[in-house]
Amino acid sequence: MRITALLCGSLFLACLGHASIITYTATMNGLQETPPNVSTGTGFATVTLDTVAQTLAVNESFTGLIGGPGSAAHIHCCADPGTPAGVAIPFPGFPAATSGTYSMTFDLTLSGTYLGTFVSGNGGTTASAEAALLSGLSAGKAYVNIHDQSFPSGEIRGQLAVTPEPSTWLMAGLALMMAGVWRGKRMLPARAAVRA
């Protein structure tokens, strides 16, 4: 019986560990910036990592920037919430607007994807920069933010956190259901003895 529970847990962990697509999301606001600010601007980012293709797709929407049109946006790595970190990936072509959207897919194997100081500060190669970024994402130490003229260090920021895919939730549900069935079968003889 214990083997069934271990199998269920292992199945769930295997689904998490072998995912080729990992999605991270962040809700951005001024309170998460370093230092926090009074901006009423907000944003949401979805960053999708494909570990097989070695790409990172960024989709970001934002509205209500009060410091002027966006002048730059980035993924920063690697720091805990409330702590500043250097730019890892700049967002070229980010719209100069107070509200808008941005979408871009980055090839993580290209040195031009990363800011040069991120590469040199993390081993000096594209592969070492990629490893540092993926480690930072996995540990919750990467964030997105948007800069503008009034907030040159960033008006809104959001820490990126992993978001399980629907298939992962399905497998987790199946594992829990199997564990519940196993627990129910184990308790049946005890319940029968109580009734007798």
N, C-alpha and C. Protein backbone atom coordinates (compact mmCIF):
# COMPACT_ATOMS: atom_id res chain seq x y z
N MET A 1 0.82 -1.20 0.00
CA MET A 1 0.00 0.00 0.00
C MET A 1 0.86 1.25 0.00
N ARG A 2 1.93 1.24 0.77
CA ARG A 2 2.83 2.37 0.83
C ARG A 2 3.47 2.62 -0.54
N ILE A 3 3.66 1.55 -1.29
CA ILE A 3 4.25 1.66 -2.64
C ILE A 3 3.33 2.48 -3.54
N THR A 4 2.01 2.31 -3.41
CA THR A 4 1.07 3.08 -4.23
C THR A 4 1.21 4.56 -3.95
N ALA A 5 1.30 4.95 -2.70
CA ALA A 5 1.46 6.36 -2.35
C ALA A 5 2.77 6.91 -2.90
N LEU A 6 3.84 6.14 -2.79
CA LEU A 6 5.13 6.58 -3.32
C LEU A 6 5.07 6.72 -4.83
N LEU A 7 4.38 5.80 -5.49
CA LEU A 7 4.23 5.86 -6.94
C LEU A 7 3.47 7.11 -7.35
N CYS A 8 2.40 7.42 -6.64
CA CYS A 8 1.61 8.62 -6.94
C CYS A 8 2.45 9.88 -6.80
N GLY A 9 3.19 9.97 -5.71
CA GLY A 9 4.05 11.13 -5.49
C GLY A 9 5.13 11.24 -6.54
N SER A 10 5.71 10.12 -6.89
CA SER A 10 6.77 10.11 -7.92
C SER A 10 6.23 10.54 -9.26
N LEU A 11 5.00 10.10 -9.60
CA LEU A 11 4.38 10.48 -10.85
C LEU A 11 4.19 11.98 -10.92
N PHE A 12 3.72 12.57 -9.84
CA PHE A 12 3.51 14.02 -9.79
C PHE A 12 4.84 14.76 -9.95
N LEU A 13 5.88 14.36 -9.21
CA LEU A 13 7.17 15.02 -9.30
C LEU A 13 7.79 14.85 -10.69
N ALA A 14 7.57 13.71 -11.31
CA ALA A 14 8.10 13.48 -12.66
C ALA A 14 7.46 14.45 -13.65
N CYS A 15 6.18 14.71 -13.48
CA CYS A 15 5.50 15.66 -14.37
C CYS A 15 6.10 17.05 -14.23
N LEU A 16 6.42 17.45 -13.01
CA LEU A 16 7.03 18.75 -12.79
C LEU A 16 8.46 18.79 -13.32
N GLY A 17 9.21 17.72 -13.08
CA GLY A 17 10.63 17.72 -13.40
C GLY A 17 10.96 17.58 -14.86
N HIS A 18 10.08 17.01 -15.68
CA HIS A 18 10.40 16.78 -17.07
C HIS A 18 9.64 17.69 -18.02
N ALA A 19 9.06 18.75 -17.51
CA ALA A 19 8.30 19.65 -18.36
C ALA A 19 9.24 20.35 -19.34
N SER A 20 8.86 20.38 -20.60
CA SER A 20 9.67 21.11 -21.57
C SER A 20 9.18 22.55 -21.67
N ILE A 21 7.95 22.81 -21.26
CA ILE A 21 7.40 24.17 -21.25
C ILE A 21 7.14 24.54 -19.79
N ILE A 22 7.75 25.63 -19.37
CA ILE A 22 7.55 26.11 -18.00
C ILE A 22 7.09 27.57 -18.11
N THR A 23 5.97 27.88 -17.48
CA THR A 23 5.41 29.22 -17.55
C THR A 23 5.60 29.95 -16.22
N TYR A 24 6.06 31.19 -16.33
CA TYR A 24 6.23 32.06 -15.18
C TYR A 24 5.33 33.28 -15.40
N THR A 25 4.74 33.78 -14.32
CA THR A 25 3.91 34.98 -14.43
C THR A 25 4.30 35.97 -13.35
N ALA A 26 3.94 37.23 -13.60
CA ALA A 26 4.19 38.29 -12.63
C ALA A 26 3.14 39.37 -12.78
N THR A 27 2.62 39.83 -11.66
CA THR A 27 1.77 41.01 -11.63
C THR A 27 2.65 42.17 -11.19
N MET A 28 2.65 43.24 -11.98
CA MET A 28 3.56 44.37 -11.72
C MET A 28 2.82 45.56 -11.13
N ASN A 29 3.50 46.21 -10.17
CA ASN A 29 3.00 47.46 -9.62
C ASN A 29 4.16 48.22 -8.98
N GLY A 30 3.88 49.43 -8.54
CA GLY A 30 4.92 50.29 -7.96
C GLY A 30 5.37 49.84 -6.59
N LEU A 31 4.51 49.16 -5.84
CA LEU A 31 4.88 48.73 -4.49
C LEU A 31 5.98 47.68 -4.49
N GLN A 32 6.13 46.96 -5.62
CA GLN A 32 7.17 45.94 -5.69
C GLN A 32 8.52 46.48 -6.16
N GLU A 33 8.52 47.74 -6.61
CA GLU A 33 9.78 48.33 -7.07
C GLU A 33 10.75 48.52 -5.91
N THR A 34 12.02 48.76 -6.26
CA THR A 34 13.05 49.01 -5.26
C THR A 34 13.65 50.38 -5.53
N PRO A 35 13.35 51.40 -4.71
CA PRO A 35 12.41 51.37 -3.59
C PRO A 35 10.96 51.42 -4.10
N PRO A 36 10.02 51.03 -3.23
CA PRO A 36 8.60 51.09 -3.62
C PRO A 36 8.21 52.52 -3.96
N ASN A 37 7.22 52.67 -4.86
CA ASN A 37 6.76 54.01 -5.22
C ASN A 37 5.23 54.04 -5.24
N VAL A 38 4.68 55.23 -5.51
CA VAL A 38 3.22 55.43 -5.43
C VAL A 38 2.54 55.29 -6.79
N SER A 39 3.20 54.73 -7.77
CA SER A 39 2.60 54.60 -9.10
C SER A 39 1.29 53.83 -9.03
N THR A 40 0.32 54.31 -9.81
CA THR A 40 -0.94 53.59 -9.95
C THR A 40 -0.91 52.71 -11.20
N GLY A 41 0.22 52.70 -11.89
CA GLY A 41 0.38 51.83 -13.06
C GLY A 41 0.39 50.37 -12.66
N THR A 42 -0.07 49.53 -13.55
CA THR A 42 -0.08 48.09 -13.30
C THR A 42 0.33 47.36 -14.58
N GLY A 43 0.68 46.10 -14.42
CA GLY A 43 1.03 45.29 -15.57
C GLY A 43 0.99 43.82 -15.23
N PHE A 44 1.03 43.01 -16.28
CA PHE A 44 1.06 41.57 -16.10
C PHE A 44 1.98 40.99 -17.16
N ALA A 45 2.83 40.06 -16.74
CA ALA A 45 3.77 39.43 -17.66
C ALA A 45 3.63 37.92 -17.60
N THR A 46 3.70 37.29 -18.76
CA THR A 46 3.79 35.85 -18.88
C THR A 46 5.08 35.54 -19.62
N VAL A 47 5.94 34.75 -19.00
CA VAL A 47 7.22 34.37 -19.58
C VAL A 47 7.23 32.85 -19.71
N THR A 48 7.32 32.38 -20.95
CA THR A 48 7.21 30.94 -21.21
C THR A 48 8.55 30.41 -21.68
N LEU A 49 9.11 29.50 -20.88
CA LEU A 49 10.39 28.89 -21.18
C LEU A 49 10.17 27.55 -21.88
N ASP A 50 10.81 27.37 -23.02
CA ASP A 50 10.83 26.08 -23.70
C ASP A 50 12.23 25.51 -23.51
N THR A 51 12.34 24.51 -22.65
CA THR A 51 13.66 23.97 -22.30
C THR A 51 14.27 23.14 -23.42
N VAL A 52 13.45 22.68 -24.37
CA VAL A 52 13.96 21.91 -25.50
C VAL A 52 14.48 22.85 -26.59
N ALA A 53 13.66 23.82 -26.98
CA ALA A 53 14.06 24.78 -28.01
C ALA A 53 15.00 25.85 -27.48
N GLN A 54 15.11 25.96 -26.16
CA GLN A 54 15.92 26.97 -25.48
C GLN A 54 15.50 28.38 -25.88
N THR A 55 14.19 28.61 -25.75
CA THR A 55 13.62 29.93 -26.04
C THR A 55 12.85 30.43 -24.83
N LEU A 56 12.67 31.74 -24.80
CA LEU A 56 11.91 32.39 -23.74
C LEU A 56 10.95 33.36 -24.42
N ALA A 57 9.65 33.08 -24.34
CA ALA A 57 8.63 33.95 -24.95
C ALA A 57 8.10 34.89 -23.87
N VAL A 58 8.17 36.18 -24.14
CA VAL A 58 7.71 37.20 -23.19
C VAL A 58 6.47 37.87 -23.75
N ASN A 59 5.40 37.90 -22.95
CA ASN A 59 4.18 38.62 -23.28
C ASN A 59 3.84 39.49 -22.09
N GLU A 60 3.78 40.78 -22.34
CA GLU A 60 3.59 41.73 -21.24
C GLU A 60 2.54 42.75 -21.64
N SER A 61 1.67 43.08 -20.69
CA SER A 61 0.69 44.15 -20.89
C SER A 61 0.82 45.10 -19.70
N PHE A 62 0.60 46.38 -19.96
CA PHE A 62 0.73 47.37 -18.89
C PHE A 62 -0.22 48.53 -19.17
N THR A 63 -0.58 49.23 -18.10
CA THR A 63 -1.49 50.36 -18.24
C THR A 63 -1.26 51.36 -17.12
N GLY A 64 -1.53 52.62 -17.42
CA GLY A 64 -1.55 53.67 -16.41
C GLY A 64 -0.21 54.13 -15.87
N LEU A 65 0.87 54.01 -16.66
CA LEU A 65 2.15 54.53 -16.16
C LEU A 65 2.02 56.03 -15.94
N ILE A 66 2.45 56.51 -14.78
CA ILE A 66 2.30 57.94 -14.46
C ILE A 66 3.58 58.72 -14.69
N GLY A 67 4.68 58.02 -14.91
CA GLY A 67 5.97 58.69 -15.07
C GLY A 67 6.33 58.99 -16.50
N GLY A 68 5.36 58.83 -17.41
CA GLY A 68 5.62 59.07 -18.82
C GLY A 68 5.64 57.76 -19.58
N PRO A 69 5.85 57.85 -20.89
CA PRO A 69 5.89 56.63 -21.69
C PRO A 69 7.03 55.72 -21.27
N GLY A 70 6.82 54.42 -21.39
CA GLY A 70 7.87 53.47 -21.07
C GLY A 70 9.12 53.76 -21.88
N SER A 71 10.27 53.77 -21.23
CA SER A 71 11.53 54.02 -21.94
C SER A 71 12.36 52.76 -22.07
N ALA A 72 12.10 51.78 -21.22
CA ALA A 72 12.82 50.50 -21.27
C ALA A 72 12.08 49.49 -20.41
N ALA A 73 12.30 48.22 -20.72
CA ALA A 73 11.75 47.14 -19.91
C ALA A 73 12.71 45.96 -20.00
N HIS A 74 12.74 45.15 -18.96
CA HIS A 74 13.74 44.09 -18.88
C HIS A 74 13.27 42.93 -18.02
N ILE A 75 14.03 41.82 -18.13
CA ILE A 75 14.05 40.79 -17.09
C ILE A 75 15.33 41.03 -16.33
N HIS A 76 15.21 41.16 -15.02
CA HIS A 76 16.37 41.33 -14.14
C HIS A 76 16.60 40.01 -13.41
N CYS A 77 17.84 39.73 -13.10
CA CYS A 77 18.17 38.52 -12.36
C CYS A 77 19.50 38.72 -11.67
N CYS A 78 19.75 38.29 -10.57
CA CYS A 78 19.03 37.33 -9.77
C CYS A 78 18.96 37.88 -8.35
N ALA A 79 17.76 38.18 -7.86
CA ALA A 79 17.59 38.79 -6.55
C ALA A 79 16.22 38.45 -5.97
N ASP A 80 16.16 38.44 -4.65
CA ASP A 80 14.91 38.22 -3.95
C ASP A 80 13.98 39.41 -4.14
N PRO A 81 12.67 39.23 -3.89
CA PRO A 81 11.74 40.37 -3.95
C PRO A 81 12.23 41.52 -3.08
N GLY A 82 12.07 42.74 -3.60
CA GLY A 82 12.48 43.92 -2.86
C GLY A 82 13.95 44.26 -2.96
N THR A 83 14.70 43.45 -3.69
CA THR A 83 16.14 43.66 -3.85
C THR A 83 16.43 43.91 -5.32
N PRO A 84 17.23 44.93 -5.64
CA PRO A 84 17.54 45.17 -7.06
C PRO A 84 18.53 44.15 -7.61
N ALA A 85 18.43 43.90 -8.91
CA ALA A 85 19.36 43.02 -9.62
C ALA A 85 19.66 43.64 -10.97
N GLY A 86 20.74 43.21 -11.57
CA GLY A 86 21.12 43.71 -12.89
C GLY A 86 20.19 43.20 -13.98
N VAL A 87 20.25 43.87 -15.11
CA VAL A 87 19.45 43.46 -16.27
C VAL A 87 20.04 42.19 -16.85
N ALA A 88 19.19 41.19 -17.06
CA ALA A 88 19.61 39.96 -17.73
C ALA A 88 19.24 40.04 -19.21
N ILE A 89 17.96 40.31 -19.50
CA ILE A 89 17.47 40.38 -20.87
C ILE A 89 16.73 41.70 -21.08
N PRO A 90 17.28 42.57 -21.93
CA PRO A 90 16.55 43.80 -22.29
C PRO A 90 15.47 43.48 -23.32
N PHE A 91 14.40 44.27 -23.33
CA PHE A 91 13.30 44.09 -24.27
C PHE A 91 13.43 45.10 -25.41
N PRO A 92 14.07 44.73 -26.52
CA PRO A 92 14.21 45.67 -27.64
C PRO A 92 12.85 45.98 -28.25
N GLY A 93 12.68 47.23 -28.68
CA GLY A 93 11.43 47.63 -29.32
C GLY A 93 10.28 47.80 -28.36
N PHE A 94 10.57 47.95 -27.06
CA PHE A 94 9.48 48.13 -26.10
C PHE A 94 8.74 49.42 -26.44
N PRO A 95 7.39 49.40 -26.41
CA PRO A 95 6.64 50.59 -26.85
C PRO A 95 6.80 51.78 -25.92
N ALA A 96 7.03 52.94 -26.51
CA ALA A 96 7.11 54.19 -25.76
C ALA A 96 5.68 54.68 -25.56
N ALA A 97 5.01 54.15 -24.54
CA ALA A 97 3.60 54.45 -24.27
C ALA A 97 3.34 54.29 -22.78
N THR A 98 2.24 54.86 -22.31
CA THR A 98 1.87 54.69 -20.90
C THR A 98 1.01 53.46 -20.70
N SER A 99 0.47 52.91 -21.78
CA SER A 99 -0.30 51.66 -21.75
C SER A 99 0.00 50.92 -23.05
N GLY A 100 0.03 49.60 -22.98
CA GLY A 100 0.28 48.85 -24.19
C GLY A 100 0.62 47.40 -23.93
N THR A 101 1.14 46.74 -24.96
CA THR A 101 1.54 45.34 -24.86
C THR A 101 2.90 45.16 -25.52
N TYR A 102 3.55 44.07 -25.15
CA TYR A 102 4.85 43.74 -25.73
C TYR A 102 4.94 42.22 -25.84
N SER A 103 5.41 41.73 -26.98
CA SER A 103 5.62 40.30 -27.18
C SER A 103 6.92 40.09 -27.94
N MET A 104 7.72 39.14 -27.46
CA MET A 104 8.98 38.82 -28.12
C MET A 104 9.41 37.44 -27.66
N THR A 105 10.00 36.68 -28.57
CA THR A 105 10.58 35.39 -28.22
C THR A 105 12.08 35.50 -28.36
N PHE A 106 12.78 35.14 -27.30
CA PHE A 106 14.23 35.26 -27.24
C PHE A 106 14.87 33.88 -27.37
N ASP A 107 15.94 33.80 -28.14
CA ASP A 107 16.73 32.59 -28.28
C ASP A 107 17.81 32.63 -27.20
N LEU A 108 17.71 31.74 -26.24
CA LEU A 108 18.62 31.75 -25.09
C LEU A 108 20.04 31.30 -25.43
N THR A 109 20.24 30.80 -26.65
CA THR A 109 21.58 30.36 -27.05
C THR A 109 22.37 31.47 -27.73
N LEU A 110 21.76 32.64 -27.94
CA LEU A 110 22.44 33.76 -28.60
C LEU A 110 22.96 34.75 -27.58
N SER A 111 24.20 35.15 -27.73
CA SER A 111 24.78 36.11 -26.78
C SER A 111 24.06 37.45 -26.82
N GLY A 112 23.52 37.83 -27.99
CA GLY A 112 22.81 39.10 -28.13
C GLY A 112 21.51 39.17 -27.35
N THR A 113 21.03 38.05 -26.86
CA THR A 113 19.81 38.03 -26.05
C THR A 113 20.04 38.70 -24.71
N TYR A 114 21.25 38.55 -24.18
CA TYR A 114 21.56 39.01 -22.83
C TYR A 114 22.30 40.34 -22.86
N LEU A 115 22.17 41.09 -21.78
CA LEU A 115 23.00 42.27 -21.60
C LEU A 115 24.42 41.79 -21.36
N GLY A 116 25.40 42.45 -21.96
CA GLY A 116 26.79 42.02 -21.86
C GLY A 116 27.29 41.89 -20.43
N THR A 117 26.86 42.79 -19.54
CA THR A 117 27.31 42.72 -18.15
C THR A 117 26.74 41.49 -17.44
N PHE A 118 25.56 41.02 -17.87
CA PHE A 118 25.00 39.81 -17.28
C PHE A 118 25.83 38.60 -17.69
N VAL A 119 26.24 38.56 -18.95
CA VAL A 119 27.08 37.46 -19.43
C VAL A 119 28.42 37.47 -18.70
N SER A 120 29.08 38.64 -18.67
CA SER A 120 30.41 38.70 -18.04
C SER A 120 30.33 38.45 -16.54
N GLY A 121 29.24 38.81 -15.90
CA GLY A 121 29.09 38.60 -14.47
C GLY A 121 28.66 37.19 -14.09
N ASN A 122 28.34 36.39 -15.09
CA ASN A 122 27.87 35.03 -14.83
C ASN A 122 28.64 34.00 -15.65
N GLY A 123 29.94 34.04 -15.57
CA GLY A 123 30.78 33.02 -16.20
C GLY A 123 31.39 33.39 -17.53
N GLY A 124 30.88 34.45 -18.18
CA GLY A 124 31.49 34.94 -19.40
C GLY A 124 31.10 34.25 -20.69
N THR A 125 30.20 33.26 -20.62
CA THR A 125 29.75 32.60 -21.84
C THR A 125 28.23 32.67 -21.92
N THR A 126 27.72 32.48 -23.13
CA THR A 126 26.27 32.46 -23.32
C THR A 126 25.66 31.31 -22.53
N ALA A 127 26.32 30.16 -22.55
CA ALA A 127 25.80 28.99 -21.82
C ALA A 127 25.74 29.25 -20.32
N SER A 128 26.76 29.91 -19.78
CA SER A 128 26.75 30.20 -18.34
C SER A 128 25.72 31.26 -17.99
N ALA A 129 25.50 32.22 -18.89
CA ALA A 129 24.45 33.23 -18.67
C ALA A 129 23.07 32.57 -18.68
N GLU A 130 22.86 31.67 -19.65
CA GLU A 130 21.59 30.94 -19.71
C GLU A 130 21.37 30.13 -18.43
N ALA A 131 22.40 29.45 -17.97
CA ALA A 131 22.29 28.64 -16.75
C ALA A 131 21.95 29.53 -15.55
N ALA A 132 22.57 30.69 -15.46
CA ALA A 132 22.29 31.61 -14.34
C ALA A 132 20.86 32.12 -14.40
N LEU A 133 20.40 32.47 -15.60
CA LEU A 133 19.02 32.95 -15.74
C LEU A 133 18.02 31.86 -15.38
N LEU A 134 18.22 30.65 -15.89
CA LEU A 134 17.29 29.56 -15.60
C LEU A 134 17.28 29.21 -14.11
N SER A 135 18.45 29.27 -13.49
CA SER A 135 18.53 29.04 -12.06
C SER A 135 17.78 30.12 -11.29
N GLY A 136 17.96 31.37 -11.70
CA GLY A 136 17.26 32.48 -11.06
C GLY A 136 15.75 32.39 -11.22
N LEU A 137 15.30 32.04 -12.43
CA LEU A 137 13.86 31.86 -12.66
C LEU A 137 13.31 30.76 -11.76
N SER A 138 14.01 29.64 -11.73
CA SER A 138 13.58 28.49 -10.95
C SER A 138 13.50 28.81 -9.46
N ALA A 139 14.41 29.66 -8.98
CA ALA A 139 14.46 30.00 -7.56
C ALA A 139 13.59 31.20 -7.20
N GLY A 140 12.86 31.75 -8.17
CA GLY A 140 12.01 32.93 -7.89
C GLY A 140 12.81 34.20 -7.70
N LYS A 141 13.99 34.27 -8.32
CA LYS A 141 14.88 35.42 -8.14
C LYS A 141 15.02 36.26 -9.41
N ALA A 142 14.03 36.18 -10.30
CA ALA A 142 14.02 37.00 -11.51
C ALA A 142 12.75 37.84 -11.50
N TYR A 143 12.84 39.03 -12.07
CA TYR A 143 11.66 39.90 -12.12
C TYR A 143 11.64 40.70 -13.42
N VAL A 144 10.45 41.18 -13.75
CA VAL A 144 10.27 42.07 -14.89
C VAL A 144 9.94 43.45 -14.36
N ASN A 145 10.39 44.48 -15.09
CA ASN A 145 9.95 45.82 -14.73
C ASN A 145 9.98 46.74 -15.93
N ILE A 146 9.32 47.88 -15.77
CA ILE A 146 9.23 48.90 -16.82
C ILE A 146 9.76 50.21 -16.24
N HIS A 147 10.64 50.84 -17.01
CA HIS A 147 11.26 52.11 -16.63
C HIS A 147 10.66 53.23 -17.47
N ASP A 148 10.69 54.45 -16.94
CA ASP A 148 10.29 55.63 -17.70
C ASP A 148 11.05 56.84 -17.16
N GLN A 149 10.77 58.01 -17.72
CA GLN A 149 11.55 59.20 -17.39
C GLN A 149 11.46 59.57 -15.90
N SER A 150 10.29 59.52 -15.31
CA SER A 150 10.14 59.90 -13.90
C SER A 150 10.61 58.81 -12.94
N PHE A 151 10.65 57.59 -13.41
CA PHE A 151 11.09 56.45 -12.59
C PHE A 151 12.20 55.70 -13.35
N PRO A 152 13.40 56.31 -13.44
CA PRO A 152 14.46 55.68 -14.23
C PRO A 152 14.91 54.32 -13.71
N SER A 153 14.73 54.06 -12.41
CA SER A 153 15.11 52.75 -11.88
C SER A 153 13.94 51.75 -11.97
N GLY A 154 12.80 52.21 -12.44
CA GLY A 154 11.64 51.34 -12.65
C GLY A 154 10.39 51.88 -11.99
N GLU A 155 9.29 51.95 -12.77
CA GLU A 155 8.01 52.40 -12.22
C GLU A 155 7.19 51.24 -11.67
N ILE A 156 7.14 50.13 -12.42
CA ILE A 156 6.40 48.96 -11.94
C ILE A 156 7.27 47.72 -12.10
N ARG A 157 7.09 46.79 -11.15
CA ARG A 157 7.91 45.58 -11.12
C ARG A 157 7.04 44.41 -10.66
N GLY A 158 7.42 43.21 -11.09
CA GLY A 158 6.76 42.00 -10.62
C GLY A 158 7.73 40.84 -10.62
N GLN A 159 7.78 40.12 -9.50
CA GLN A 159 8.65 38.94 -9.37
C GLN A 159 8.03 37.78 -10.15
N LEU A 160 8.82 37.11 -10.96
CA LEU A 160 8.32 35.99 -11.77
C LEU A 160 8.21 34.73 -10.92
N ALA A 161 7.06 34.08 -11.00
CA ALA A 161 6.82 32.84 -10.25
C ALA A 161 6.28 31.79 -11.20
N VAL A 162 6.68 30.54 -10.98
CA VAL A 162 6.25 29.45 -11.85
C VAL A 162 4.74 29.24 -11.73
N THR A 163 4.11 28.99 -12.87
CA THR A 163 2.68 28.72 -12.92
C THR A 163 2.51 27.33 -13.51
N PRO A 164 2.02 26.36 -12.73
CA PRO A 164 1.87 25.01 -13.26
C PRO A 164 0.95 24.97 -14.48
N GLU A 165 1.32 24.17 -15.47
CA GLU A 165 0.51 23.97 -16.66
C GLU A 165 -0.73 23.14 -16.29
N PRO A 166 -1.82 23.25 -17.05
CA PRO A 166 -3.02 22.45 -16.76
C PRO A 166 -2.74 20.95 -16.68
N SER A 167 -1.83 20.45 -17.52
CA SER A 167 -1.54 19.02 -17.48
C SER A 167 -0.88 18.64 -16.15
N THR A 168 -0.10 19.56 -15.58
CA THR A 168 0.52 19.30 -14.29
C THR A 168 -0.54 19.22 -13.21
N TRP A 169 -1.52 20.13 -13.27
CA TRP A 169 -2.62 20.10 -12.30
C TRP A 169 -3.41 18.80 -12.43
N LEU A 170 -3.62 18.36 -13.68
CA LEU A 170 -4.36 17.12 -13.91
C LEU A 170 -3.62 15.94 -13.29
N MET A 171 -2.30 15.87 -13.53
CA MET A 171 -1.52 14.77 -12.97
C MET A 171 -1.50 14.84 -11.44
N ALA A 172 -1.43 16.05 -10.89
CA ALA A 172 -1.46 16.19 -9.44
C ALA A 172 -2.80 15.70 -8.89
N GLY A 173 -3.89 16.04 -9.59
CA GLY A 173 -5.21 15.59 -9.16
C GLY A 173 -5.33 14.07 -9.21
N LEU A 174 -4.80 13.48 -10.28
CA LEU A 174 -4.83 12.02 -10.38
C LEU A 174 -4.01 11.36 -9.27
N ALA A 175 -2.85 11.95 -8.98
CA ALA A 175 -2.01 11.39 -7.92
C ALA A 175 -2.73 11.48 -6.57
N LEU A 176 -3.39 12.60 -6.31
CA LEU A 176 -4.12 12.75 -5.05
C LEU A 176 -5.31 11.80 -4.99
N MET A 177 -5.99 11.65 -6.13
CA MET A 177 -7.13 10.74 -6.18
C MET A 177 -6.68 9.30 -5.91
N MET A 178 -5.56 8.90 -6.53
CA MET A 178 -5.06 7.55 -6.30
C MET A 178 -4.67 7.35 -4.84
N ALA A 179 -4.08 8.39 -4.25
CA ALA A 179 -3.71 8.29 -2.84
C ALA A 179 -4.96 8.16 -1.96
N GLY A 180 -6.05 8.89 -2.35
CA GLY A 180 -7.30 8.80 -1.60
C GLY A 180 -7.93 7.42 -1.72
N VAL A 181 -7.90 6.85 -2.93
CA VAL A 181 -8.43 5.50 -3.12
C VAL A 181 -7.62 4.52 -2.28
N TRP A 182 -6.32 4.66 -2.31
CA TRP A 182 -5.45 3.78 -1.53
C TRP A 182 -5.76 3.91 -0.04
N ARG A 183 -5.95 5.13 0.43
CA ARG A 183 -6.25 5.35 1.85
C ARG A 183 -7.61 4.76 2.20
N GLY A 184 -8.60 4.92 1.30
CA GLY A 184 -9.94 4.37 1.53
C GLY A 184 -9.92 2.85 1.62
N LYS A 185 -9.17 2.19 0.75
CA LYS A 185 -9.07 0.73 0.78
C LYS A 185 -8.41 0.27 2.07
N ARG A 186 -7.44 1.04 2.50
CA ARG A 186 -6.71 0.66 3.71
C ARG A 186 -7.62 0.75 4.94
N MET A 187 -8.58 1.68 4.92
CA MET A 187 -9.44 1.90 6.08
C MET A 187 -10.66 0.98 6.07
N LEU A 188 -11.00 0.35 4.94
CA LEU A 188 -12.19 -0.49 4.87
C LEU A 188 -12.23 -1.59 5.92
N PRO A 189 -11.18 -2.38 6.11
CA PRO A 189 -11.25 -3.43 7.13
C PRO A 189 -11.48 -2.86 8.53
N ALA A 190 -10.90 -1.73 8.84
CA ALA A 190 -11.08 -1.12 10.15
C ALA A 190 -12.53 -0.69 10.35
N ARG A 191 -13.16 -0.12 9.31
CA ARG A 191 -14.55 0.31 9.40
C ARG A 191 -15.47 -0.91 9.57
N ALA A 192 -15.17 -1.99 8.86
CA ALA A 192 -15.98 -3.21 8.98
C ALA A 192 -15.91 -3.76 10.38
N ALA A 193 -14.74 -3.70 11.01
CA ALA A 193 -14.59 -4.21 12.37
C ALA A 193 -15.38 -3.38 13.35
N VAL A 194 -15.47 -2.05 13.12
CA VAL A 194 -16.21 -1.17 14.03
C VAL A 194 -17.69 -1.49 13.96
N ARG A 195 -18.22 -1.79 12.76
CA ARG A 195 -19.64 -2.09 12.58
C ARG A 195 -20.03 -3.41 13.23
N ALA A 196 -19.13 -4.37 13.31
CA ALA A 196 -19.43 -5.71 13.82
C ALA A 196 -19.57 -5.77 15.28
